[in-house]
Amino acid sequence: MTNIDEVEGQILVAIFDKPDGFPDRNYMYDYIIHPVTANEHVLVFEDLPLGYYAISMLHDANMDMQPNFNFIGFPTEGFGFSNNVRPVFKAPSFEKTKFEVIEDQEINIKLIN
């Protein structure tokens, strides 16, 4: 992941294996919580079964384990999705963010600040 604007807090990364509930963390397949120590990080999900997945991530700068929003409802902390989908008025769909795991591969996500 790139474009972490402040070296503080933690990164919350959730991976989903089906569209139901995406991107609500109550429906995630797996997750990683990683301390922010630089403006870029590499995180690894190991032993994922072959199939389709989508990722959502949040730079939880204040470490409250949830996204924070301004008065118009836009996130005040960095966030991102697989395929670098930029949401318009609401979170993107699983279909727009999904990618296929067929072997070891790298997914690059640039956070939106």
PDB file of N, CA and C in Angstrom:
ATOM      1  N   MET A   1       0.847  -1.170   0.000  1.00  0.00           N
ATOM      2  CA  MET A   1       0.000   0.000   0.000  1.00  0.00           C
ATOM      3  C   MET A   1       0.887   1.225   0.000  1.00  0.00           C
ATOM      4  N   THR A   2       0.415   2.261  -0.635  1.00  0.00           N
ATOM      5  CA  THR A   2       1.166   3.509  -0.731  1.00  0.00           C
ATOM      6  C   THR A   2       0.263   4.676  -0.356  1.00  0.00           C
ATOM      7  N   ASN A   3       0.883   5.849  -0.279  1.00  0.00           N
ATOM      8  CA  ASN A   3       0.189   7.118  -0.032  1.00  0.00           C
ATOM      9  C   ASN A   3      -0.366   7.241   1.384  1.00  0.00           C
ATOM     10  N   ILE A   4       0.356   6.690   2.347  1.00  0.00           N
ATOM     11  CA  ILE A   4      -0.009   6.872   3.747  1.00  0.00           C
ATOM     12  C   ILE A   4       0.479   8.263   4.126  1.00  0.00           C
ATOM     13  N   ASP A   5      -0.433   9.161   4.445  1.00  0.00           N
ATOM     14  CA  ASP A   5      -0.048  10.566   4.599  1.00  0.00           C
ATOM     15  C   ASP A   5       0.606  10.898   5.932  1.00  0.00           C
ATOM     16  N   GLU A   6       0.327  10.159   6.986  1.00  0.00           N
ATOM     17  CA  GLU A   6       0.925  10.423   8.292  1.00  0.00           C
ATOM     18  C   GLU A   6       1.450   9.117   8.875  1.00  0.00           C
ATOM     19  N   VAL A   7       2.674   9.148   9.381  1.00  0.00           N
ATOM     20  CA  VAL A   7       3.262   7.953   9.972  1.00  0.00           C
ATOM     21  C   VAL A   7       2.835   7.887  11.435  1.00  0.00           C
ATOM     22  N   GLU A   8       1.603   7.400  11.613  1.00  0.00           N
ATOM     23  CA  GLU A   8       1.024   7.234  12.949  1.00  0.00           C
ATOM     24  C   GLU A   8      -0.155   6.283  12.853  1.00  0.00           C
ATOM     25  N   GLY A   9      -0.520   5.718  13.980  1.00  0.00           N
ATOM     26  CA  GLY A   9      -1.691   4.851  14.018  1.00  0.00           C
ATOM     27  C   GLY A   9      -1.431   3.472  13.456  1.00  0.00           C
ATOM     28  N   GLN A  10      -2.468   2.932  12.812  1.00  0.00           N
ATOM     29  CA  GLN A  10      -2.408   1.577  12.288  1.00  0.00           C
ATOM     30  C   GLN A  10      -3.190   1.478  10.986  1.00  0.00           C
ATOM     31  N   ILE A  11      -2.886   0.440  10.242  1.00  0.00           N
ATOM     32  CA  ILE A  11      -3.622   0.139   9.013  1.00  0.00           C
ATOM     33  C   ILE A  11      -4.505  -1.070   9.290  1.00  0.00           C
ATOM     34  N   LEU A  12      -5.775  -0.939   8.978  1.00  0.00           N
ATOM     35  CA  LEU A  12      -6.724  -2.041   9.087  1.00  0.00           C
ATOM     36  C   LEU A  12      -7.014  -2.519   7.671  1.00  0.00           C
ATOM     37  N   VAL A  13      -6.709  -3.770   7.391  1.00  0.00           N
ATOM     38  CA  VAL A  13      -6.924  -4.339   6.061  1.00  0.00           C
ATOM     39  C   VAL A  13      -7.871  -5.519   6.191  1.00  0.00           C
ATOM     40  N   ALA A  14      -8.980  -5.461   5.470  1.00  0.00           N
ATOM     41  CA  ALA A  14      -9.958  -6.547   5.491  1.00  0.00           C
ATOM     42  C   ALA A  14     -10.042  -7.158   4.102  1.00  0.00           C
ATOM     43  N   ILE A  15     -10.081  -8.474   4.045  1.00  0.00           N
ATOM     44  CA  ILE A  15     -10.239  -9.174   2.769  1.00  0.00           C
ATOM     45  C   ILE A  15     -11.559  -9.941   2.812  1.00  0.00           C
ATOM     46  N   PHE A  16     -12.276  -9.865   1.716  1.00  0.00           N
ATOM     47  CA  PHE A  16     -13.605 -10.466   1.594  1.00  0.00           C
ATOM     48  C   PHE A  16     -13.581 -11.500   0.481  1.00  0.00           C
ATOM     49  N   ASP A  17     -14.309 -12.596   0.678  1.00  0.00           N
ATOM     50  CA  ASP A  17     -14.353 -13.651  -0.332  1.00  0.00           C
ATOM     51  C   ASP A  17     -15.719 -13.787  -0.997  1.00  0.00           C
ATOM     52  N   LYS A  18     -16.646 -12.888  -0.665  1.00  0.00           N
ATOM     53  CA  LYS A  18     -17.964 -12.900  -1.311  1.00  0.00           C
ATOM     54  C   LYS A  18     -18.579 -11.507  -1.218  1.00  0.00           C
ATOM     55  N   PRO A  19     -19.522 -11.214  -2.075  1.00  0.00           N
ATOM     56  CA  PRO A  19     -20.100  -9.868  -2.097  1.00  0.00           C
ATOM     57  C   PRO A  19     -21.018  -9.545  -0.921  1.00  0.00           C
ATOM     58  N   ASP A  20     -21.570 -10.568  -0.282  1.00  0.00           N
ATOM     59  CA  ASP A  20     -22.510 -10.333   0.817  1.00  0.00           C
ATOM     60  C   ASP A  20     -21.859  -9.498   1.917  1.00  0.00           C
ATOM     61  N   GLY A  21     -22.396  -8.317   2.159  1.00  0.00           N
ATOM     62  CA  GLY A  21     -21.931  -7.477   3.243  1.00  0.00           C
ATOM     63  C   GLY A  21     -20.718  -6.616   2.956  1.00  0.00           C
ATOM     64  N   PHE A  22     -20.098  -6.755   1.793  1.00  0.00           N
ATOM     65  CA  PHE A  22     -18.906  -5.958   1.479  1.00  0.00           C
ATOM     66  C   PHE A  22     -19.246  -4.475   1.500  1.00  0.00           C
ATOM     67  N   PRO A  23     -18.463  -3.612   2.110  1.00  0.00           N
ATOM     68  CA  PRO A  23     -17.214  -3.823   2.835  1.00  0.00           C
ATOM     69  C   PRO A  23     -17.381  -3.809   4.359  1.00  0.00           C
ATOM     70  N   ASP A  24     -18.509  -4.219   4.870  1.00  0.00           N
ATOM     71  CA  ASP A  24     -18.751  -4.269   6.318  1.00  0.00           C
ATOM     72  C   ASP A  24     -17.822  -5.310   6.950  1.00  0.00           C
ATOM     73  N   ARG A  25     -17.052  -4.892   7.937  1.00  0.00           N
ATOM     74  CA  ARG A  25     -16.067  -5.801   8.527  1.00  0.00           C
ATOM     75  C   ARG A  25     -16.704  -7.005   9.205  1.00  0.00           C
ATOM     76  N   ASN A  26     -17.992  -6.975   9.486  1.00  0.00           N
ATOM     77  CA  ASN A  26     -18.663  -8.143  10.055  1.00  0.00           C
ATOM     78  C   ASN A  26     -18.748  -9.302   9.069  1.00  0.00           C
ATOM     79  N   TYR A  27     -18.468  -9.040   7.787  1.00  0.00           N
ATOM     80  CA  TYR A  27     -18.576 -10.069   6.748  1.00  0.00           C
ATOM     81  C   TYR A  27     -17.221 -10.441   6.144  1.00  0.00           C
ATOM     82  N   MET A  28     -16.128  -9.949   6.711  1.00  0.00           N
ATOM     83  CA  MET A  28     -14.823 -10.198   6.109  1.00  0.00           C
ATOM     84  C   MET A  28     -14.386 -11.649   6.279  1.00  0.00           C
ATOM     85  N   TYR A  29     -13.535 -12.075   5.368  1.00  0.00           N
ATOM     86  CA  TYR A  29     -12.960 -13.416   5.392  1.00  0.00           C
ATOM     87  C   TYR A  29     -11.764 -13.455   6.352  1.00  0.00           C
ATOM     88  N   ASP A  30     -10.937 -12.413   6.301  1.00  0.00           N
ATOM     89  CA  ASP A  30      -9.745 -12.338   7.133  1.00  0.00           C
ATOM     90  C   ASP A  30      -9.341 -10.872   7.246  1.00  0.00           C
ATOM     91  N   TYR A  31      -8.412 -10.569   8.138  1.00  0.00           N
ATOM     92  CA  TYR A  31      -7.969  -9.189   8.300  1.00  0.00           C
ATOM     93  C   TYR A  31      -6.546  -9.132   8.838  1.00  0.00           C
ATOM     94  N   ILE A  32      -5.937  -7.974   8.684  1.00  0.00           N
ATOM     95  CA  ILE A  32      -4.622  -7.680   9.244  1.00  0.00           C
ATOM     96  C   ILE A  32      -4.710  -6.308   9.896  1.00  0.00           C
ATOM     97  N   ILE A  33      -4.143  -6.180  11.089  1.00  0.00           N
ATOM     98  CA  ILE A  33      -3.955  -4.880  11.738  1.00  0.00           C
ATOM     99  C   ILE A  33      -2.450  -4.685  11.831  1.00  0.00           C
ATOM    100  N   HIS A  34      -1.963  -3.587  11.247  1.00  0.00           N
ATOM    101  CA  HIS A  34      -0.520  -3.386  11.140  1.00  0.00           C
ATOM    102  C   HIS A  34      -0.155  -1.968  11.562  1.00  0.00           C
ATOM    103  N   PRO A  35       0.842  -1.804  12.453  1.00  0.00           N
ATOM    104  CA  PRO A  35       1.246  -0.455  12.857  1.00  0.00           C
ATOM    105  C   PRO A  35       1.867   0.309  11.687  1.00  0.00           C
ATOM    106  N   VAL A  36       1.595   1.596  11.612  1.00  0.00           N
ATOM    107  CA  VAL A  36       2.164   2.437  10.558  1.00  0.00           C
ATOM    108  C   VAL A  36       3.537   2.919  11.014  1.00  0.00           C
ATOM    109  N   THR A  37       4.558   2.538  10.258  1.00  0.00           N
ATOM    110  CA  THR A  37       5.928   2.946  10.563  1.00  0.00           C
ATOM    111  C   THR A  37       6.602   3.631   9.385  1.00  0.00           C
ATOM    112  N   ALA A  38       5.872   3.745   8.264  1.00  0.00           N
ATOM    113  CA  ALA A  38       6.410   4.370   7.057  1.00  0.00           C
ATOM    114  C   ALA A  38       5.240   4.801   6.178  1.00  0.00           C
ATOM    115  N   ASN A  39       5.539   5.461   5.061  1.00  0.00           N
ATOM    116  CA  ASN A  39       4.493   5.916   4.140  1.00  0.00           C
ATOM    117  C   ASN A  39       4.037   4.834   3.166  1.00  0.00           C
ATOM    118  N   GLU A  40       4.748   3.707   3.170  1.00  0.00           N
ATOM    119  CA  GLU A  40       4.383   2.563   2.338  1.00  0.00           C
ATOM    120  C   GLU A  40       4.586   1.297   3.155  1.00  0.00           C
ATOM    121  N   HIS A  41       3.742   0.295   2.914  1.00  0.00           N
ATOM    122  CA  HIS A  41       3.870  -0.980   3.606  1.00  0.00           C
ATOM    123  C   HIS A  41       3.539  -2.115   2.656  1.00  0.00           C
ATOM    124  N   VAL A  42       4.110  -3.275   2.943  1.00  0.00           N
ATOM    125  CA  VAL A  42       3.766  -4.513   2.247  1.00  0.00           C
ATOM    126  C   VAL A  42       3.198  -5.455   3.294  1.00  0.00           C
ATOM    127  N   LEU A  43       1.995  -5.925   3.063  1.00  0.00           N
ATOM    128  CA  LEU A  43       1.339  -6.876   3.956  1.00  0.00           C
ATOM    129  C   LEU A  43       1.016  -8.129   3.168  1.00  0.00           C
ATOM    130  N   VAL A  44       0.989  -9.265   3.841  1.00  0.00           N
ATOM    131  CA  VAL A  44       0.802 -10.540   3.152  1.00  0.00           C
ATOM    132  C   VAL A  44      -0.348 -11.324   3.780  1.00  0.00           C
ATOM    133  N   PHE A  45      -1.287 -11.749   2.949  1.00  0.00           N
ATOM    134  CA  PHE A  45      -2.283 -12.744   3.337  1.00  0.00           C
ATOM    135  C   PHE A  45      -1.747 -14.069   2.818  1.00  0.00           C
ATOM    136  N   GLU A  46      -1.508 -15.010   3.720  1.00  0.00           N
ATOM    137  CA  GLU A  46      -0.925 -16.291   3.320  1.00  0.00           C
ATOM    138  C   GLU A  46      -1.991 -17.371   3.209  1.00  0.00           C
ATOM    139  N   ASP A  47      -1.739 -18.295   2.301  1.00  0.00           N
ATOM    140  CA  ASP A  47      -2.557 -19.498   2.143  1.00  0.00           C
ATOM    141  C   ASP A  47      -4.018 -19.217   1.805  1.00  0.00           C
ATOM    142  N   LEU A  48      -4.263 -18.183   0.997  1.00  0.00           N
ATOM    143  CA  LEU A  48      -5.630 -17.937   0.534  1.00  0.00           C
ATOM    144  C   LEU A  48      -6.017 -19.007  -0.478  1.00  0.00           C
ATOM    145  N   PRO A  49      -7.184 -19.600  -0.339  1.00  0.00           N
ATOM    146  CA  PRO A  49      -7.649 -20.521  -1.377  1.00  0.00           C
ATOM    147  C   PRO A  49      -7.834 -19.771  -2.698  1.00  0.00           C
ATOM    148  N   LEU A  50      -7.696 -20.450  -3.798  1.00  0.00           N
ATOM    149  CA  LEU A  50      -7.928 -19.830  -5.098  1.00  0.00           C
ATOM    150  C   LEU A  50      -9.356 -19.314  -5.156  1.00  0.00           C
ATOM    151  N   GLY A  51      -9.556 -18.201  -5.826  1.00  0.00           N
ATOM    152  CA  GLY A  51     -10.894 -17.642  -5.929  1.00  0.00           C
ATOM    153  C   GLY A  51     -10.858 -16.138  -6.051  1.00  0.00           C
ATOM    154  N   TYR A  52     -12.026 -15.523  -5.905  1.00  0.00           N
ATOM    155  CA  TYR A  52     -12.167 -14.070  -6.023  1.00  0.00           C
ATOM    156  C   TYR A  52     -12.221 -13.434  -4.643  1.00  0.00           C
ATOM    157  N   TYR A  53     -11.551 -12.295  -4.526  1.00  0.00           N
ATOM    158  CA  TYR A  53     -11.480 -11.561  -3.271  1.00  0.00           C
ATOM    159  C   TYR A  53     -11.571 -10.064  -3.544  1.00  0.00           C
ATOM    160  N   ALA A  54     -11.893  -9.312  -2.500  1.00  0.00           N
ATOM    161  CA  ALA A  54     -11.860  -7.851  -2.547  1.00  0.00           C
ATOM    162  C   ALA A  54     -11.257  -7.371  -1.232  1.00  0.00           C
ATOM    163  N   ILE A  55     -10.547  -6.252  -1.287  1.00  0.00           N
ATOM    164  CA  ILE A  55      -9.882  -5.700  -0.106  1.00  0.00           C
ATOM    165  C   ILE A  55     -10.386  -4.293   0.162  1.00  0.00           C
ATOM    166  N   SER A  56     -10.596  -4.007   1.438  1.00  0.00           N
ATOM    167  CA  SER A  56     -10.826  -2.629   1.873  1.00  0.00           C
ATOM    168  C   SER A  56      -9.812  -2.337   2.969  1.00  0.00           C
ATOM    169  N   MET A  57      -9.325  -1.106   3.003  1.00  0.00           N
ATOM    170  CA  MET A  57      -8.338  -0.746   4.012  1.00  0.00           C
ATOM    171  C   MET A  57      -8.604   0.633   4.563  1.00  0.00           C
ATOM    172  N   LEU A  58      -8.160   0.837   5.788  1.00  0.00           N
ATOM    173  CA  LEU A  58      -8.344   2.096   6.478  1.00  0.00           C
ATOM    174  C   LEU A  58      -7.063   2.445   7.216  1.00  0.00           C
ATOM    175  N   HIS A  59      -6.610   3.687   7.065  1.00  0.00           N
ATOM    176  CA  HIS A  59      -5.511   4.191   7.891  1.00  0.00           C
ATOM    177  C   HIS A  59      -6.158   4.729   9.161  1.00  0.00           C
ATOM    178  N   ASP A  60      -6.142   3.935  10.183  1.00  0.00           N
ATOM    179  CA  ASP A  60      -6.761   4.275  11.464  1.00  0.00           C
ATOM    180  C   ASP A  60      -5.765   5.107  12.272  1.00  0.00           C
ATOM    181  N   ALA A  61      -5.626   6.368  11.901  1.00  0.00           N
ATOM    182  CA  ALA A  61      -4.613   7.238  12.503  1.00  0.00           C
ATOM    183  C   ALA A  61      -4.826   7.434  13.997  1.00  0.00           C
ATOM    184  N   ASN A  62      -6.075   7.518  14.432  1.00  0.00           N
ATOM    185  CA  ASN A  62      -6.346   7.747  15.861  1.00  0.00           C
ATOM    186  C   ASN A  62      -6.578   6.449  16.642  1.00  0.00           C
ATOM    187  N   MET A  63      -6.434   5.323  15.965  1.00  0.00           N
ATOM    188  CA  MET A  63      -6.497   3.986  16.572  1.00  0.00           C
ATOM    189  C   MET A  63      -7.794   3.708  17.327  1.00  0.00           C
ATOM    190  N   ASP A  64      -8.918   4.176  16.760  1.00  0.00           N
ATOM    191  CA  ASP A  64     -10.209   3.884  17.390  1.00  0.00           C
ATOM    192  C   ASP A  64     -10.927   2.702  16.734  1.00  0.00           C
ATOM    193  N   MET A  65     -10.254   2.043  15.786  1.00  0.00           N
ATOM    194  CA  MET A  65     -10.756   0.828  15.126  1.00  0.00           C
ATOM    195  C   MET A  65     -12.007   1.050  14.277  1.00  0.00           C
ATOM    196  N   GLN A  66     -12.231   2.278  13.829  1.00  0.00           N
ATOM    197  CA  GLN A  66     -13.390   2.538  12.976  1.00  0.00           C
ATOM    198  C   GLN A  66     -13.104   3.743  12.085  1.00  0.00           C
ATOM    199  N   PRO A  67     -13.789   3.822  10.951  1.00  0.00           N
ATOM    200  CA  PRO A  67     -13.612   5.002  10.098  1.00  0.00           C
ATOM    201  C   PRO A  67     -14.252   6.233  10.734  1.00  0.00           C
ATOM    202  N   ASN A  68     -13.627   7.368  10.547  1.00  0.00           N
ATOM    203  CA  ASN A  68     -14.171   8.634  11.040  1.00  0.00           C
ATOM    204  C   ASN A  68     -14.569   9.475   9.839  1.00  0.00           C
ATOM    205  N   PHE A  69     -15.629  10.269   9.986  1.00  0.00           N
ATOM    206  CA  PHE A  69     -16.179  11.020   8.870  1.00  0.00           C
ATOM    207  C   PHE A  69     -16.319  12.493   9.221  1.00  0.00           C
ATOM    208  N   ASN A  70     -16.286  13.353   8.184  1.00  0.00           N
ATOM    209  CA  ASN A  70     -16.532  14.773   8.404  1.00  0.00           C
ATOM    210  C   ASN A  70     -18.040  15.028   8.353  1.00  0.00           C
ATOM    211  N   PHE A  71     -18.439  16.286   8.436  1.00  0.00           N
ATOM    212  CA  PHE A  71     -19.864  16.625   8.519  1.00  0.00           C
ATOM    213  C   PHE A  71     -20.659  16.277   7.267  1.00  0.00           C
ATOM    214  N   ILE A  72     -19.988  16.084   6.120  1.00  0.00           N
ATOM    215  CA  ILE A  72     -20.722  15.679   4.912  1.00  0.00           C
ATOM    216  C   ILE A  72     -20.616  14.177   4.642  1.00  0.00           C
ATOM    217  N   GLY A  73     -19.991  13.456   5.566  1.00  0.00           N
ATOM    218  CA  GLY A  73     -19.947  12.006   5.457  1.00  0.00           C
ATOM    219  C   GLY A  73     -18.749  11.433   4.731  1.00  0.00           C
ATOM    220  N   PHE A  74     -17.732  12.254   4.439  1.00  0.00           N
ATOM    221  CA  PHE A  74     -16.533  11.758   3.760  1.00  0.00           C
ATOM    222  C   PHE A  74     -15.504  11.338   4.818  1.00  0.00           C
ATOM    223  N   PRO A  75     -14.815  10.214   4.609  1.00  0.00           N
ATOM    224  CA  PRO A  75     -13.827   9.768   5.589  1.00  0.00           C
ATOM    225  C   PRO A  75     -12.733  10.811   5.837  1.00  0.00           C
ATOM    226  N   THR A  76     -12.341  10.966   7.095  1.00  0.00           N
ATOM    227  CA  THR A  76     -11.272  11.903   7.451  1.00  0.00           C
ATOM    228  C   THR A  76      -9.929  11.194   7.616  1.00  0.00           C
ATOM    229  N   GLU A  77      -9.916   9.875   7.479  1.00  0.00           N
ATOM    230  CA  GLU A  77      -8.686   9.093   7.524  1.00  0.00           C
ATOM    231  C   GLU A  77      -8.527   8.415   6.171  1.00  0.00           C
ATOM    232  N   GLY A  78      -7.281   8.123   5.794  1.00  0.00           N
ATOM    233  CA  GLY A  78      -7.032   7.482   4.513  1.00  0.00           C
ATOM    234  C   GLY A  78      -7.734   6.138   4.403  1.00  0.00           C
ATOM    235  N   PHE A  79      -8.141   5.796   3.193  1.00  0.00           N
ATOM    236  CA  PHE A  79      -8.819   4.520   2.951  1.00  0.00           C
ATOM    237  C   PHE A  79      -8.528   4.084   1.530  1.00  0.00           C
ATOM    238  N   GLY A  80      -8.808   2.841   1.219  1.00  0.00           N
ATOM    239  CA  GLY A  80      -8.587   2.354  -0.133  1.00  0.00           C
ATOM    240  C   GLY A  80      -9.266   1.026  -0.359  1.00  0.00           C
ATOM    241  N   PHE A  81      -9.339   0.667  -1.639  1.00  0.00           N
ATOM    242  CA  PHE A  81      -9.965  -0.584  -2.053  1.00  0.00           C
ATOM    243  C   PHE A  81      -9.112  -1.244  -3.120  1.00  0.00           C
ATOM    244  N   SER A  82      -9.217  -2.556  -3.231  1.00  0.00           N
ATOM    245  CA  SER A  82      -8.524  -3.252  -4.302  1.00  0.00           C
ATOM    246  C   SER A  82      -8.974  -2.694  -5.648  1.00  0.00           C
ATOM    247  N   ASN A  83      -8.127  -2.813  -6.622  1.00  0.00           N
ATOM    248  CA  ASN A  83      -8.296  -2.224  -7.960  1.00  0.00           C
ATOM    249  C   ASN A  83      -8.261  -0.698  -7.911  1.00  0.00           C
ATOM    250  N   ASN A  84      -7.883  -0.146  -6.760  1.00  0.00           N
ATOM    251  CA  ASN A  84      -7.819   1.305  -6.562  1.00  0.00           C
ATOM    252  C   ASN A  84      -9.101   2.012  -6.984  1.00  0.00           C
ATOM    253  N   VAL A  85     -10.215   1.370  -6.689  1.00  0.00           N
ATOM    254  CA  VAL A  85     -11.524   1.954  -6.987  1.00  0.00           C
ATOM    255  C   VAL A  85     -11.753   3.155  -6.077  1.00  0.00           C
ATOM    256  N   ARG A  86     -12.148   4.267  -6.669  1.00  0.00           N
ATOM    257  CA  ARG A  86     -12.478   5.481  -5.910  1.00  0.00           C
ATOM    258  C   ARG A  86     -13.996   5.560  -5.785  1.00  0.00           C
ATOM    259  N   PRO A  87     -14.503   5.499  -4.564  1.00  0.00           N
ATOM    260  CA  PRO A  87     -15.962   5.520  -4.393  1.00  0.00           C
ATOM    261  C   PRO A  87     -16.563   6.876  -4.745  1.00  0.00           C
ATOM    262  N   VAL A  88     -17.809   6.828  -5.187  1.00  0.00           N
ATOM    263  CA  VAL A  88     -18.571   8.042  -5.465  1.00  0.00           C
ATOM    264  C   VAL A  88     -19.846   7.959  -4.631  1.00  0.00           C
ATOM    265  N   PHE A  89     -19.921   8.731  -3.579  1.00  0.00           N
ATOM    266  CA  PHE A  89     -21.071   8.837  -2.679  1.00  0.00           C
ATOM    267  C   PHE A  89     -21.314   7.630  -1.782  1.00  0.00           C
ATOM    268  N   LYS A  90     -20.750   6.471  -2.082  1.00  0.00           N
ATOM    269  CA  LYS A  90     -20.899   5.299  -1.226  1.00  0.00           C
ATOM    270  C   LYS A  90     -19.761   4.328  -1.518  1.00  0.00           C
ATOM    271  N   ALA A  91     -19.616   3.347  -0.677  1.00  0.00           N
ATOM    272  CA  ALA A  91     -18.563   2.353  -0.863  1.00  0.00           C
ATOM    273  C   ALA A  91     -18.770   1.618  -2.187  1.00  0.00           C
ATOM    274  N   PRO A  92     -17.688   1.260  -2.859  1.00  0.00           N
ATOM    275  CA  PRO A  92     -17.820   0.525  -4.119  1.00  0.00           C
ATOM    276  C   PRO A  92     -18.318  -0.900  -3.877  1.00  0.00           C
ATOM    277  N   SER A  93     -18.763  -1.534  -4.919  1.00  0.00           N
ATOM    278  CA  SER A  93     -19.268  -2.905  -4.821  1.00  0.00           C
ATOM    279  C   SER A  93     -18.123  -3.916  -4.835  1.00  0.00           C
ATOM    280  N   PHE A  94     -18.429  -5.093  -4.380  1.00  0.00           N
ATOM    281  CA  PHE A  94     -17.488  -6.215  -4.453  1.00  0.00           C
ATOM    282  C   PHE A  94     -17.091  -6.449  -5.910  1.00  0.00           C
ATOM    283  N   GLU A  95     -18.054  -6.370  -6.807  1.00  0.00           N
ATOM    284  CA  GLU A  95     -17.788  -6.613  -8.232  1.00  0.00           C
ATOM    285  C   GLU A  95     -16.726  -5.672  -8.799  1.00  0.00           C
ATOM    286  N   LYS A  96     -16.745  -4.410  -8.394  1.00  0.00           N
ATOM    287  CA  LYS A  96     -15.772  -3.444  -8.903  1.00  0.00           C
ATOM    288  C   LYS A  96     -14.396  -3.612  -8.276  1.00  0.00           C
ATOM    289  N   THR A  97     -14.346  -4.156  -7.090  1.00  0.00           N
ATOM    290  CA  THR A  97     -13.079  -4.258  -6.370  1.00  0.00           C
ATOM    291  C   THR A  97     -12.477  -5.662  -6.395  1.00  0.00           C
ATOM    292  N   LYS A  98     -13.188  -6.635  -6.901  1.00  0.00           N
ATOM    293  CA  LYS A  98     -12.709  -8.017  -6.833  1.00  0.00           C
ATOM    294  C   LYS A  98     -11.522  -8.263  -7.764  1.00  0.00           C
ATOM    295  N   PHE A  99     -10.716  -9.218  -7.357  1.00  0.00           N
ATOM    296  CA  PHE A  99      -9.589  -9.702  -8.151  1.00  0.00           C
ATOM    297  C   PHE A  99      -9.515 -11.208  -7.928  1.00  0.00           C
ATOM    298  N   GLU A 100      -8.882 -11.899  -8.860  1.00  0.00           N
ATOM    299  CA  GLU A 100      -8.807 -13.347  -8.760  1.00  0.00           C
ATOM    300  C   GLU A 100      -7.438 -13.771  -8.250  1.00  0.00           C
ATOM    301  N   VAL A 101      -7.431 -14.640  -7.240  1.00  0.00           N
ATOM    302  CA  VAL A 101      -6.203 -15.239  -6.757  1.00  0.00           C
ATOM    303  C   VAL A 101      -6.048 -16.565  -7.485  1.00  0.00           C
ATOM    304  N   ILE A 102      -5.016 -16.638  -8.329  1.00  0.00           N
ATOM    305  CA  ILE A 102      -4.743 -17.872  -9.062  1.00  0.00           C
ATOM    306  C   ILE A 102      -3.360 -18.427  -8.721  1.00  0.00           C
ATOM    307  N   GLU A 103      -2.541 -17.615  -8.080  1.00  0.00           N
ATOM    308  CA  GLU A 103      -1.217 -18.008  -7.610  1.00  0.00           C
ATOM    309  C   GLU A 103      -0.696 -16.849  -6.759  1.00  0.00           C
ATOM    310  N   ASP A 104       0.549 -16.937  -6.316  1.00  0.00           N
ATOM    311  CA  ASP A 104       1.122 -15.815  -5.571  1.00  0.00           C
ATOM    312  C   ASP A 104       1.070 -14.572  -6.446  1.00  0.00           C
ATOM    313  N   GLN A 105       0.582 -13.501  -5.909  1.00  0.00           N
ATOM    314  CA  GLN A 105       0.491 -12.270  -6.678  1.00  0.00           C
ATOM    315  C   GLN A 105       0.530 -11.073  -5.750  1.00  0.00           C
ATOM    316  N   GLU A 106       0.744  -9.924  -6.343  1.00  0.00           N
ATOM    317  CA  GLU A 106       0.840  -8.683  -5.592  1.00  0.00           C
ATOM    318  C   GLU A 106      -0.285  -7.758  -6.012  1.00  0.00           C
ATOM    319  N   ILE A 107      -0.935  -7.165  -5.034  1.00  0.00           N
ATOM    320  CA  ILE A 107      -2.001  -6.183  -5.263  1.00  0.00           C
ATOM    321  C   ILE A 107      -1.500  -4.860  -4.697  1.00  0.00           C
ATOM    322  N   ASN A 108      -1.486  -3.830  -5.508  1.00  0.00           N
ATOM    323  CA  ASN A 108      -1.045  -2.509  -5.059  1.00  0.00           C
ATOM    324  C   ASN A 108      -2.269  -1.624  -4.827  1.00  0.00           C
ATOM    325  N   ILE A 109      -2.326  -1.023  -3.636  1.00  0.00           N
ATOM    326  CA  ILE A 109      -3.446  -0.143  -3.305  1.00  0.00           C
ATOM    327  C   ILE A 109      -2.890   1.201  -2.846  1.00  0.00           C
ATOM    328  N   LYS A 110      -3.352   2.253  -3.474  1.00  0.00           N
ATOM    329  CA  LYS A 110      -2.959   3.607  -3.108  1.00  0.00           C
ATOM    330  C   LYS A 110      -4.092   4.193  -2.264  1.00  0.00           C
ATOM    331  N   LEU A 111      -3.755   4.570  -1.019  1.00  0.00           N
ATOM    332  CA  LEU A 111      -4.779   5.127  -0.133  1.00  0.00           C
ATOM    333  C   LEU A 111      -5.271   6.469  -0.650  1.00  0.00           C
ATOM    334  N   ILE A 112      -6.537   6.730  -0.398  1.00  0.00           N
ATOM    335  CA  ILE A 112      -7.176   7.999  -0.715  1.00  0.00           C
ATOM    336  C   ILE A 112      -7.202   8.817   0.570  1.00  0.00           C
ATOM    337  N   ASN A 113      -6.671  10.036   0.512  1.00  0.00           N
ATOM    338  CA  ASN A 113      -6.610  10.881   1.716  1.00  0.00           C
ATOM    339  C   ASN A 113      -7.503  12.083   1.558  1.00  0.00           C
TER     340      ASN A 113
END
